[in-house]
Amino acid sequence: MPGKYPLLRPAEIITALDKRGFRYKSQRGSHAKYSNGTRKVIIPMHSEVARGTLRGILQQAGIELDDFLTLL
């Protein structure tokens, strides 16, 4: 599935980011903020995270898609 962003639940994304050192910081409405000390990531807490939004999350986190998929 290289090059394709999957549809995922926020919990799946959070679990993968947790493996890279991202920790919960705060939440405002339906958007949670996670940080690893140097980078901040905003995750929408909706039923599914859209593919384009996942792409943006990975850019914010500085994680390549292939690396992210191995974390899942």
PDB file of N, CA and C in Angstrom:
ATOM      1  N   MET A   1       0.814  -1.179   0.000  1.00  0.00           N
ATOM      2  CA  MET A   1       0.000   0.000   0.000  1.00  0.00           C
ATOM      3  C   MET A   1       0.873   1.264   0.000  1.00  0.00           C
ATOM      4  N   PRO A   2       2.105   1.224  -0.506  1.00  0.00           N
ATOM      5  CA  PRO A   2       2.937   2.417  -0.490  1.00  0.00           C
ATOM      6  C   PRO A   2       2.319   3.543  -1.307  1.00  0.00           C
ATOM      7  N   GLY A   3       2.441   4.761  -0.788  1.00  0.00           N
ATOM      8  CA  GLY A   3       1.921   5.913  -1.500  1.00  0.00           C
ATOM      9  C   GLY A   3       0.455   6.197  -1.242  1.00  0.00           C
ATOM     10  N   LYS A   4      -0.226   5.343  -0.525  1.00  0.00           N
ATOM     11  CA  LYS A   4      -1.646   5.553  -0.238  1.00  0.00           C
ATOM     12  C   LYS A   4      -1.836   5.722   1.258  1.00  0.00           C
ATOM     13  N   TYR A   5      -2.575   6.737   1.599  1.00  0.00           N
ATOM     14  CA  TYR A   5      -2.871   7.002   3.001  1.00  0.00           C
ATOM     15  C   TYR A   5      -4.160   6.284   3.377  1.00  0.00           C
ATOM     16  N   PRO A   6      -4.146   5.473   4.436  1.00  0.00           N
ATOM     17  CA  PRO A   6      -5.353   4.735   4.839  1.00  0.00           C
ATOM     18  C   PRO A   6      -6.307   5.597   5.650  1.00  0.00           C
ATOM     19  N   LEU A   7      -7.551   5.186   5.700  1.00  0.00           N
ATOM     20  CA  LEU A   7      -8.534   5.797   6.603  1.00  0.00           C
ATOM     21  C   LEU A   7      -8.360   5.124   7.960  1.00  0.00           C
ATOM     22  N   LEU A   8      -8.123   5.905   8.983  1.00  0.00           N
ATOM     23  CA  LEU A   8      -7.874   5.350  10.307  1.00  0.00           C
ATOM     24  C   LEU A   8      -8.695   6.075  11.359  1.00  0.00           C
ATOM     25  N   ARG A   9      -8.919   5.390  12.473  1.00  0.00           N
ATOM     26  CA  ARG A   9      -9.551   6.015  13.629  1.00  0.00           C
ATOM     27  C   ARG A   9      -8.480   6.802  14.395  1.00  0.00           C
ATOM     28  N   PRO A  10      -8.861   7.842  15.093  1.00  0.00           N
ATOM     29  CA  PRO A  10      -7.873   8.617  15.856  1.00  0.00           C
ATOM     30  C   PRO A  10      -7.059   7.761  16.830  1.00  0.00           C
ATOM     31  N   ALA A  11      -7.690   6.769  17.456  1.00  0.00           N
ATOM     32  CA  ALA A  11      -6.982   5.917  18.418  1.00  0.00           C
ATOM     33  C   ALA A  11      -5.822   5.170  17.758  1.00  0.00           C
ATOM     34  N   GLU A  12      -5.996   4.760  16.506  1.00  0.00           N
ATOM     35  CA  GLU A  12      -4.931   4.053  15.792  1.00  0.00           C
ATOM     36  C   GLU A  12      -3.752   4.989  15.515  1.00  0.00           C
ATOM     37  N   ILE A  13      -4.052   6.215  15.152  1.00  0.00           N
ATOM     38  CA  ILE A  13      -3.010   7.209  14.880  1.00  0.00           C
ATOM     39  C   ILE A  13      -2.270   7.539  16.171  1.00  0.00           C
ATOM     40  N   ILE A  14      -3.006   7.718  17.253  1.00  0.00           N
ATOM     41  CA  ILE A  14      -2.409   8.057  18.541  1.00  0.00           C
ATOM     42  C   ILE A  14      -1.493   6.942  19.023  1.00  0.00           C
ATOM     43  N   THR A  15      -1.904   5.705  18.852  1.00  0.00           N
ATOM     44  CA  THR A  15      -1.079   4.571  19.254  1.00  0.00           C
ATOM     45  C   THR A  15       0.246   4.567  18.499  1.00  0.00           C
ATOM     46  N   ALA A  16       0.196   4.824  17.201  1.00  0.00           N
ATOM     47  CA  ALA A  16       1.418   4.858  16.399  1.00  0.00           C
ATOM     48  C   ALA A  16       2.303   6.034  16.809  1.00  0.00           C
ATOM     49  N   LEU A  17       1.704   7.207  17.032  1.00  0.00           N
ATOM     50  CA  LEU A  17       2.494   8.374  17.434  1.00  0.00           C
ATOM     51  C   LEU A  17       3.097   8.185  18.818  1.00  0.00           C
ATOM     52  N   ASP A  18       2.378   7.473  19.686  1.00  0.00           N
ATOM     53  CA  ASP A  18       2.881   7.189  21.023  1.00  0.00           C
ATOM     54  C   ASP A  18       4.190   6.405  20.948  1.00  0.00           C
ATOM     55  N   LYS A  19       4.298   5.521  19.982  1.00  0.00           N
ATOM     56  CA  LYS A  19       5.520   4.735  19.796  1.00  0.00           C
ATOM     57  C   LYS A  19       6.693   5.609  19.373  1.00  0.00           C
ATOM     58  N   ARG A  20       6.405   6.788  18.828  1.00  0.00           N
ATOM     59  CA  ARG A  20       7.453   7.739  18.422  1.00  0.00           C
ATOM     60  C   ARG A  20       7.671   8.845  19.455  1.00  0.00           C
ATOM     61  N   GLY A  21       7.077   8.672  20.642  1.00  0.00           N
ATOM     62  CA  GLY A  21       7.338   9.612  21.731  1.00  0.00           C
ATOM     63  C   GLY A  21       6.372  10.767  21.863  1.00  0.00           C
ATOM     64  N   PHE A  22       5.281  10.769  21.121  1.00  0.00           N
ATOM     65  CA  PHE A  22       4.292  11.842  21.234  1.00  0.00           C
ATOM     66  C   PHE A  22       3.380  11.563  22.414  1.00  0.00           C
ATOM     67  N   ARG A  23       3.141  12.607  23.207  1.00  0.00           N
ATOM     68  CA  ARG A  23       2.302  12.494  24.403  1.00  0.00           C
ATOM     69  C   ARG A  23       1.185  13.535  24.358  1.00  0.00           C
ATOM     70  N   TYR A  24       0.074  13.189  24.969  1.00  0.00           N
ATOM     71  CA  TYR A  24      -1.091  14.074  25.040  1.00  0.00           C
ATOM     72  C   TYR A  24      -0.733  15.329  25.818  1.00  0.00           C
ATOM     73  N   LYS A  25      -1.134  16.498  25.290  1.00  0.00           N
ATOM     74  CA  LYS A  25      -0.887  17.768  25.965  1.00  0.00           C
ATOM     75  C   LYS A  25      -2.182  18.452  26.372  1.00  0.00           C
ATOM     76  N   SER A  26      -3.126  18.578  25.432  1.00  0.00           N
ATOM     77  CA  SER A  26      -4.383  19.250  25.744  1.00  0.00           C
ATOM     78  C   SER A  26      -5.407  18.944  24.666  1.00  0.00           C
ATOM     79  N   GLN A  27      -6.630  19.396  24.916  1.00  0.00           N
ATOM     80  CA  GLN A  27      -7.697  19.216  23.939  1.00  0.00           C
ATOM     81  C   GLN A  27      -8.608  20.422  23.984  1.00  0.00           C
ATOM     82  N   ARG A  28      -9.030  20.852  22.807  1.00  0.00           N
ATOM     83  CA  ARG A  28     -10.005  21.934  22.710  1.00  0.00           C
ATOM     84  C   ARG A  28     -11.073  21.473  21.730  1.00  0.00           C
ATOM     85  N   GLY A  29     -12.268  21.303  22.227  1.00  0.00           N
ATOM     86  CA  GLY A  29     -13.338  20.776  21.383  1.00  0.00           C
ATOM     87  C   GLY A  29     -13.017  19.355  20.964  1.00  0.00           C
ATOM     88  N   SER A  30     -13.058  19.116  19.666  1.00  0.00           N
ATOM     89  CA  SER A  30     -12.811  17.763  19.171  1.00  0.00           C
ATOM     90  C   SER A  30     -11.402  17.600  18.597  1.00  0.00           C
ATOM     91  N   HIS A  31     -10.473  18.480  18.978  1.00  0.00           N
ATOM     92  CA  HIS A  31      -9.108  18.399  18.468  1.00  0.00           C
ATOM     93  C   HIS A  31      -8.131  18.269  19.629  1.00  0.00           C
ATOM     94  N   ALA A  32      -7.352  17.191  19.612  1.00  0.00           N
ATOM     95  CA  ALA A  32      -6.378  16.925  20.663  1.00  0.00           C
ATOM     96  C   ALA A  32      -4.983  17.299  20.194  1.00  0.00           C
ATOM     97  N   LYS A  33      -4.187  17.815  21.112  1.00  0.00           N
ATOM     98  CA  LYS A  33      -2.819  18.220  20.808  1.00  0.00           C
ATOM     99  C   LYS A  33      -1.858  17.223  21.440  1.00  0.00           C
ATOM    100  N   TYR A  34      -0.914  16.739  20.636  1.00  0.00           N
ATOM    101  CA  TYR A  34       0.123  15.835  21.093  1.00  0.00           C
ATOM    102  C   TYR A  34       1.470  16.451  20.759  1.00  0.00           C
ATOM    103  N   SER A  35       2.471  16.175  21.593  1.00  0.00           N
ATOM    104  CA  SER A  35       3.795  16.744  21.377  1.00  0.00           C
ATOM    105  C   SER A  35       4.861  15.733  21.778  1.00  0.00           C
ATOM    106  N   ASN A  36       6.020  15.834  21.117  1.00  0.00           N
ATOM    107  CA  ASN A  36       7.165  15.010  21.510  1.00  0.00           C
ATOM    108  C   ASN A  36       8.280  15.886  22.075  1.00  0.00           C
ATOM    109  N   GLY A  37       7.977  17.119  22.398  1.00  0.00           N
ATOM    110  CA  GLY A  37       8.954  18.048  22.930  1.00  0.00           C
ATOM    111  C   GLY A  37       9.421  19.056  21.905  1.00  0.00           C
ATOM    112  N   THR A  38       9.547  18.633  20.653  1.00  0.00           N
ATOM    113  CA  THR A  38       9.989  19.550  19.603  1.00  0.00           C
ATOM    114  C   THR A  38       8.909  19.782  18.555  1.00  0.00           C
ATOM    115  N   ARG A  39       8.064  18.799  18.328  1.00  0.00           N
ATOM    116  CA  ARG A  39       7.008  18.912  17.322  1.00  0.00           C
ATOM    117  C   ARG A  39       5.642  18.781  17.973  1.00  0.00           C
ATOM    118  N   LYS A  40       4.667  19.514  17.406  1.00  0.00           N
ATOM    119  CA  LYS A  40       3.285  19.439  17.886  1.00  0.00           C
ATOM    120  C   LYS A  40       2.403  18.909  16.772  1.00  0.00           C
ATOM    121  N   VAL A  41       1.434  18.085  17.136  1.00  0.00           N
ATOM    122  CA  VAL A  41       0.510  17.484  16.182  1.00  0.00           C
ATOM    123  C   VAL A  41      -0.907  17.665  16.700  1.00  0.00           C
ATOM    124  N   ILE A  42      -1.807  18.094  15.830  1.00  0.00           N
ATOM    125  CA  ILE A  42      -3.217  18.234  16.179  1.00  0.00           C
ATOM    126  C   ILE A  42      -3.974  17.085  15.525  1.00  0.00           C
ATOM    127  N   ILE A  43      -4.726  16.346  16.324  1.00  0.00           N
ATOM    128  CA  ILE A  43      -5.481  15.197  15.818  1.00  0.00           C
ATOM    129  C   ILE A  43      -6.969  15.441  16.040  1.00  0.00           C
ATOM    130  N   PRO A  44      -7.765  15.406  14.955  1.00  0.00           N
ATOM    131  CA  PRO A  44      -9.216  15.544  15.119  1.00  0.00           C
ATOM    132  C   PRO A  44      -9.784  14.251  15.707  1.00  0.00           C
ATOM    133  N   MET A  45     -10.577  14.374  16.738  1.00  0.00           N
ATOM    134  CA  MET A  45     -11.139  13.207  17.410  1.00  0.00           C
ATOM    135  C   MET A  45     -12.519  12.881  16.824  1.00  0.00           C
ATOM    136  N   HIS A  46     -12.530  12.607  15.531  1.00  0.00           N
ATOM    137  CA  HIS A  46     -13.753  12.242  14.827  1.00  0.00           C
ATOM    138  C   HIS A  46     -13.777  10.734  14.638  1.00  0.00           C
ATOM    139  N   SER A  47     -14.823  10.204  14.035  1.00  0.00           N
ATOM    140  CA  SER A  47     -14.910   8.747  13.878  1.00  0.00           C
ATOM    141  C   SER A  47     -13.809   8.207  12.975  1.00  0.00           C
ATOM    142  N   GLU A  48     -13.475   8.926  11.912  1.00  0.00           N
ATOM    143  CA  GLU A  48     -12.376   8.559  11.017  1.00  0.00           C
ATOM    144  C   GLU A  48     -11.611   9.826  10.667  1.00  0.00           C
ATOM    145  N   VAL A  49     -10.322   9.672  10.448  1.00  0.00           N
ATOM    146  CA  VAL A  49      -9.496  10.794  10.025  1.00  0.00           C
ATOM    147  C   VAL A  49      -9.310  10.663   8.515  1.00  0.00           C
ATOM    148  N   ALA A  50      -9.647  11.709   7.783  1.00  0.00           N
ATOM    149  CA  ALA A  50      -9.555  11.694   6.325  1.00  0.00           C
ATOM    150  C   ALA A  50      -8.110  11.496   5.878  1.00  0.00           C
ATOM    151  N   ARG A  51      -7.946  10.979   4.671  1.00  0.00           N
ATOM    152  CA  ARG A  51      -6.610  10.690   4.144  1.00  0.00           C
ATOM    153  C   ARG A  51      -5.740  11.945   4.065  1.00  0.00           C
ATOM    154  N   GLY A  52      -6.297  13.031   3.592  1.00  0.00           N
ATOM    155  CA  GLY A  52      -5.548  14.275   3.494  1.00  0.00           C
ATOM    156  C   GLY A  52      -5.158  14.821   4.853  1.00  0.00           C
ATOM    157  N   THR A  53      -6.034  14.633   5.839  1.00  0.00           N
ATOM    158  CA  THR A  53      -5.737  15.072   7.197  1.00  0.00           C
ATOM    159  C   THR A  53      -4.617  14.226   7.786  1.00  0.00           C
ATOM    160  N   LEU A  54      -4.641  12.932   7.528  1.00  0.00           N
ATOM    161  CA  LEU A  54      -3.563  12.052   7.990  1.00  0.00           C
ATOM    162  C   LEU A  54      -2.243  12.484   7.375  1.00  0.00           C
ATOM    163  N   ARG A  55      -2.272  12.850   6.122  1.00  0.00           N
ATOM    164  CA  ARG A  55      -1.062  13.322   5.436  1.00  0.00           C
ATOM    165  C   ARG A  55      -0.498  14.551   6.163  1.00  0.00           C
ATOM    166  N   GLY A  56      -1.379  15.480   6.527  1.00  0.00           N
ATOM    167  CA  GLY A  56      -0.965  16.668   7.255  1.00  0.00           C
ATOM    168  C   GLY A  56      -0.415  16.350   8.638  1.00  0.00           C
ATOM    169  N   ILE A  57      -1.044  15.406   9.317  1.00  0.00           N
ATOM    170  CA  ILE A  57      -0.581  14.985  10.643  1.00  0.00           C
ATOM    171  C   ILE A  57       0.830  14.425  10.542  1.00  0.00           C
ATOM    172  N   LEU A  58       1.072  13.595   9.541  1.00  0.00           N
ATOM    173  CA  LEU A  58       2.399  12.995   9.380  1.00  0.00           C
ATOM    174  C   LEU A  58       3.439  14.050   9.022  1.00  0.00           C
ATOM    175  N   GLN A  59       3.048  15.055   8.252  1.00  0.00           N
ATOM    176  CA  GLN A  59       3.967  16.151   7.947  1.00  0.00           C
ATOM    177  C   GLN A  59       4.308  16.929   9.216  1.00  0.00           C
ATOM    178  N   GLN A  60       3.303  17.211  10.033  1.00  0.00           N
ATOM    179  CA  GLN A  60       3.534  17.918  11.295  1.00  0.00           C
ATOM    180  C   GLN A  60       4.478  17.112  12.193  1.00  0.00           C
ATOM    181  N   ALA A  61       4.297  15.792  12.197  1.00  0.00           N
ATOM    182  CA  ALA A  61       5.087  14.921  13.066  1.00  0.00           C
ATOM    183  C   ALA A  61       6.472  14.630  12.496  1.00  0.00           C
ATOM    184  N   GLY A  62       6.673  14.888  11.209  1.00  0.00           N
ATOM    185  CA  GLY A  62       7.957  14.591  10.585  1.00  0.00           C
ATOM    186  C   GLY A  62       8.176  13.106  10.378  1.00  0.00           C
ATOM    187  N   ILE A  63       7.092  12.384  10.079  1.00  0.00           N
ATOM    188  CA  ILE A  63       7.161  10.939   9.895  1.00  0.00           C
ATOM    189  C   ILE A  63       6.769  10.605   8.456  1.00  0.00           C
ATOM    190  N   GLU A  64       7.571   9.781   7.798  1.00  0.00           N
ATOM    191  CA  GLU A  64       7.255   9.320   6.447  1.00  0.00           C
ATOM    192  C   GLU A  64       6.131   8.281   6.515  1.00  0.00           C
ATOM    193  N   LEU A  65       5.362   8.175   5.441  1.00  0.00           N
ATOM    194  CA  LEU A  65       4.238   7.241   5.398  1.00  0.00           C
ATOM    195  C   LEU A  65       4.681   5.807   5.650  1.00  0.00           C
ATOM    196  N   ASP A  66       5.746   5.359   5.006  1.00  0.00           N
ATOM    197  CA  ASP A  66       6.217   3.979   5.190  1.00  0.00           C
ATOM    198  C   ASP A  66       6.579   3.698   6.645  1.00  0.00           C
ATOM    199  N   ASP A  67       7.242   4.655   7.288  1.00  0.00           N
ATOM    200  CA  ASP A  67       7.596   4.487   8.702  1.00  0.00           C
ATOM    201  C   ASP A  67       6.343   4.419   9.559  1.00  0.00           C
ATOM    202  N   PHE A  68       5.369   5.274   9.261  1.00  0.00           N
ATOM    203  CA  PHE A  68       4.123   5.296  10.010  1.00  0.00           C
ATOM    204  C   PHE A  68       3.378   3.968   9.887  1.00  0.00           C
ATOM    205  N   LEU A  69       3.328   3.436   8.679  1.00  0.00           N
ATOM    206  CA  LEU A  69       2.609   2.176   8.458  1.00  0.00           C
ATOM    207  C   LEU A  69       3.246   1.032   9.219  1.00  0.00           C
ATOM    208  N   THR A  70       4.565   1.061   9.426  1.00  0.00           N
ATOM    209  CA  THR A  70       5.202  -0.001  10.212  1.00  0.00           C
ATOM    210  C   THR A  70       4.873   0.151  11.694  1.00  0.00           C
ATOM    211  N   LEU A  71       4.543   1.362  12.131  1.00  0.00           N
ATOM    212  CA  LEU A  71       4.167   1.588  13.534  1.00  0.00           C
ATOM    213  C   LEU A  71       2.766   1.071  13.852  1.00  0.00           C
ATOM    214  N   LEU A  72       1.930   0.944  12.818  1.00  0.00           N
ATOM    215  CA  LEU A  72       0.550   0.483  13.036  1.00  0.00           C
ATOM    216  C   LEU A  72       0.527  -0.948  13.406  1.00  0.00           C
TER     217      LEU A  72
END
